[in-house]
Amino acid sequence: MSSPASVMQTDWDGLLDQGERVLWQGRPEAGLTLAPIQPMQMMMGLVFVVFSLFWMSMAGWIASGMPGPVSFFPMFGLIFLAIGLYNAGGYAFWKAYLRGRTVYSLTTQRAFVASDIPFLGRSLKSYDIEANSPLEYIEGNPGSVFFANKRIHTQNGSYRKRVGFERIMQARAVYRMLRDIQRGTIAEDNA
């Protein structure tokens, strides 16, 4: 994936509409963060870790000395160990890894979130910025700007997930650009 500074206009050929131009590009700030800490998720993760370690040790003890495929039976606990480790705090490492593989772009009409994750592939998602787009600015160093919502469906229903440029140093300036796009004043101001 190209760094934001090396992205040229030719990289956008075929992606931008007539008259649309790139206003800003950036990456989320790297680094590990536990925010927002989810105590219930972490507690359940620890329960999974303890259970899987106990189960693997007991299954290993029972299967020791048994020939054939039974000796692999304790390894089935590894999936529960992985789930537990992820929920106990591993999600913070995964999110930090994803941030390192993400690039944000803002044009005169849309916001783009691009990612390049090994084994999952490259992805480019665009979100139209309209007058009724839900904008939210989160102050911080780095700050975040959210401009869309998407509905995530699960077995137990669904929930709303905010979409935006997370952990960026220029959050306030990007928020102003988004507001100008909503008002229709960005084209004149930055032409």
Protein backbone atom coordinates (compact mmCIF):
# COMPACT_ATOMS: atom_id res chain seq x y z
CA MET A 1 0.00 0.00 0.00
CA SER A 2 1.33 3.40 -0.87
CA SER A 3 2.06 5.87 1.86
CA PRO A 4 -0.19 8.94 1.90
CA ALA A 5 2.64 11.19 0.75
CA SER A 6 3.37 9.03 -2.30
CA VAL A 7 -0.20 8.68 -3.57
CA MET A 8 -0.42 10.48 -6.89
CA GLN A 9 -3.42 11.60 -8.89
CA THR A 10 -2.94 8.62 -11.25
CA ASP A 11 -3.60 6.30 -8.28
CA TRP A 12 -7.11 7.77 -8.15
CA ASP A 13 -7.89 7.37 -11.87
CA GLY A 14 -11.22 5.61 -12.24
CA LEU A 15 -12.10 6.03 -8.55
CA LEU A 16 -13.00 9.71 -8.38
CA ASP A 17 -16.02 11.32 -9.99
CA GLN A 18 -15.71 14.19 -12.47
CA GLY A 19 -14.51 17.28 -10.57
CA GLU A 20 -13.83 15.35 -7.35
CA ARG A 21 -10.38 15.89 -5.87
CA VAL A 22 -8.39 14.70 -2.87
CA LEU A 23 -8.32 17.20 0.02
CA TRP A 24 -6.51 15.23 2.72
CA GLN A 25 -4.78 11.91 3.28
CA GLY A 26 -3.37 10.39 6.42
CA ARG A 27 -2.87 7.32 8.54
CA PRO A 28 -4.08 6.52 12.02
CA GLU A 29 -1.45 6.97 14.70
CA ALA A 30 0.31 3.72 15.48
CA GLY A 31 0.64 2.29 18.91
CA LEU A 32 -1.17 0.16 21.38
CA THR A 33 -4.24 1.47 23.16
CA LEU A 34 -6.74 -0.33 25.36
CA ALA A 35 -9.39 2.34 24.97
CA PRO A 36 -12.19 1.66 25.18
CA ILE A 37 -11.54 -0.94 27.86
CA GLN A 38 -14.29 -3.53 27.95
CA PRO A 39 -14.18 -5.14 31.41
CA MET A 40 -16.85 -7.78 30.74
CA GLN A 41 -15.16 -8.86 27.51
CA MET A 42 -11.81 -9.05 29.29
CA MET A 43 -13.25 -11.07 32.18
CA MET A 44 -14.89 -13.55 29.81
CA GLY A 45 -11.59 -13.78 27.93
CA LEU A 46 -9.75 -14.65 31.13
CA VAL A 47 -12.36 -17.31 31.93
CA PHE A 48 -11.81 -18.82 28.46
CA VAL A 49 -8.03 -18.77 28.96
CA VAL A 50 -8.18 -20.49 32.35
CA PHE A 51 -10.75 -23.04 31.13
CA SER A 52 -8.80 -23.88 27.98
CA LEU A 53 -5.51 -24.28 29.85
CA PHE A 54 -7.20 -26.54 32.41
CA TRP A 55 -8.96 -28.53 29.69
CA MET A 56 -5.78 -28.97 27.62
CA SER A 57 -3.76 -30.07 30.64
CA MET A 58 -6.41 -32.57 31.76
CA ALA A 59 -6.94 -33.89 28.23
CA GLY A 60 -3.17 -34.16 27.82
CA TRP A 61 -2.86 -36.08 31.05
CA ILE A 62 -5.66 -38.47 30.04
CA ALA A 63 -4.38 -38.87 26.47
CA SER A 64 -0.74 -39.37 27.49
CA GLY A 65 0.39 -42.80 26.54
CA MET A 66 -2.58 -43.40 24.26
CA PRO A 67 -1.61 -44.21 20.70
CA GLY A 68 -2.86 -42.65 17.50
CA PRO A 69 -5.10 -39.68 16.96
CA VAL A 70 -6.24 -39.52 20.61
CA SER A 71 -2.91 -37.90 21.47
CA PHE A 72 -3.97 -34.84 19.44
CA PHE A 73 -7.20 -34.41 21.43
CA PRO A 74 -5.73 -31.77 23.82
CA MET A 75 -4.94 -29.51 20.85
CA PHE A 76 -8.67 -28.82 20.36
CA GLY A 77 -8.37 -26.50 23.35
CA LEU A 78 -6.15 -24.16 21.33
CA ILE A 79 -9.15 -22.56 19.64
CA PHE A 80 -10.64 -21.68 23.03
CA LEU A 81 -7.25 -20.39 24.17
CA ALA A 82 -7.04 -18.13 21.10
CA ILE A 83 -10.58 -16.80 21.66
CA GLY A 84 -9.79 -16.15 25.30
CA LEU A 85 -6.52 -14.38 24.60
CA TYR A 86 -8.19 -12.16 21.99
CA ASN A 87 -11.00 -11.15 24.35
CA ALA A 88 -8.70 -10.73 27.37
CA GLY A 89 -6.78 -7.97 25.62
CA GLY A 90 -5.47 -9.37 22.36
CA TYR A 91 -8.03 -7.24 20.52
CA ALA A 92 -5.86 -4.21 21.34
CA PHE A 93 -2.92 -5.75 19.49
CA TRP A 94 -5.14 -6.67 16.52
CA LYS A 95 -6.56 -3.15 16.29
CA ALA A 96 -3.04 -1.67 16.46
CA TYR A 97 -1.98 -3.99 13.64
CA LEU A 98 -4.99 -2.97 11.54
CA ARG A 99 -4.24 0.73 12.10
CA GLY A 100 -0.75 0.17 10.73
CA ARG A 101 -2.26 -1.23 7.53
CA THR A 102 -4.84 1.54 6.98
CA VAL A 103 -4.83 4.78 4.99
CA TYR A 104 -7.52 7.47 5.10
CA SER A 105 -8.46 9.89 2.31
CA LEU A 106 -10.95 12.73 2.11
CA THR A 107 -12.15 14.15 -1.19
CA THR A 108 -14.53 16.95 -2.01
CA GLN A 109 -17.40 14.42 -1.92
CA ARG A 110 -16.40 11.27 -0.07
CA ALA A 111 -14.30 9.72 2.65
CA PHE A 112 -12.21 6.63 1.86
CA VAL A 113 -10.82 3.99 4.20
CA ALA A 114 -8.25 1.74 2.55
CA SER A 115 -6.62 -1.29 4.15
CA ASP A 116 -4.20 -3.98 3.07
CA ILE A 117 -4.26 -6.97 5.39
CA PRO A 118 -2.31 -10.15 4.57
CA PHE A 119 -4.56 -13.14 3.79
CA LEU A 120 -7.65 -10.88 3.84
CA GLY A 121 -6.57 -8.72 0.90
CA ARG A 122 -6.88 -5.09 -0.04
CA SER A 123 -10.03 -3.13 0.65
CA LEU A 124 -11.23 0.34 -0.28
CA LYS A 125 -14.49 1.58 1.22
CA SER A 126 -16.02 4.94 0.38
CA TYR A 127 -18.65 6.91 2.27
CA ASP A 128 -20.53 9.80 0.67
CA ILE A 129 -20.50 12.98 2.75
CA GLU A 130 -23.96 14.51 2.57
CA ALA A 131 -25.77 17.28 4.41
CA ASN A 132 -27.33 14.76 6.80
CA SER A 133 -24.19 12.65 7.40
CA PRO A 134 -23.70 12.19 11.17
CA LEU A 135 -20.47 13.99 12.04
CA GLU A 136 -18.78 13.47 15.38
CA TYR A 137 -15.47 14.93 16.51
CA ILE A 138 -13.62 13.28 19.41
CA GLU A 139 -11.03 15.60 20.95
CA GLY A 140 -7.71 14.03 21.75
CA ASN A 141 -4.11 13.71 20.82
CA PRO A 142 -4.68 11.96 18.48
CA GLY A 143 -8.34 12.72 17.87
CA SER A 144 -10.98 10.98 15.80
CA VAL A 145 -13.67 12.08 13.36
CA PHE A 146 -16.68 9.88 12.60
CA PHE A 147 -18.86 10.48 9.53
CA ALA A 148 -21.02 7.38 9.01
CA ASN A 149 -22.71 4.51 10.78
CA LYS A 150 -23.00 0.92 9.67
CA ARG A 151 -25.26 -1.74 11.07
CA ILE A 152 -23.54 -4.95 12.21
CA HIS A 153 -25.85 -7.97 12.33
CA THR A 154 -25.22 -10.78 14.81
CA GLN A 155 -27.11 -13.86 15.94
CA ASN A 156 -28.58 -11.86 18.83
CA GLY A 157 -29.69 -8.84 16.83
CA SER A 158 -27.66 -5.95 15.52
CA TYR A 159 -25.72 -2.92 16.67
CA ARG A 160 -24.49 0.34 15.21
CA LYS A 161 -20.79 0.86 14.55
CA ARG A 162 -19.35 4.31 13.90
CA VAL A 163 -17.18 4.70 10.82
CA GLY A 164 -14.52 7.35 10.55
CA PHE A 165 -10.92 8.43 10.68
CA GLU A 166 -9.71 7.15 14.04
CA ARG A 167 -6.63 8.38 15.91
CA ILE A 168 -5.48 11.09 13.49
CA MET A 169 -3.34 14.08 14.45
CA GLN A 170 -5.24 16.52 12.20
CA ALA A 171 -8.70 15.59 13.52
CA ARG A 172 -9.88 19.17 14.10
CA ALA A 173 -8.87 20.33 10.59
CA VAL A 174 -10.42 17.24 8.99
CA TYR A 175 -13.63 17.82 10.94
CA ARG A 176 -13.76 21.39 9.57
CA MET A 177 -13.28 20.07 6.03
CA LEU A 178 -16.12 17.59 6.54
CA ARG A 179 -18.39 20.39 7.80
CA ASP A 180 -17.48 22.49 4.75
CA ILE A 181 -18.30 19.56 2.45
CA GLN A 182 -21.70 19.25 4.15
CA ARG A 183 -22.38 22.95 3.65
CA GLY A 184 -21.21 22.84 0.05
CA THR A 185 -18.48 25.45 0.65
CA ILE A 186 -15.40 23.25 0.29
CA ALA A 187 -15.14 23.58 -3.51
CA GLU A 188 -14.90 27.39 -3.40
CA ASP A 189 -12.64 27.58 -0.35
CA ASN A 190 -10.04 25.07 -1.51
CA ALA A 191 -10.19 25.36 -5.30
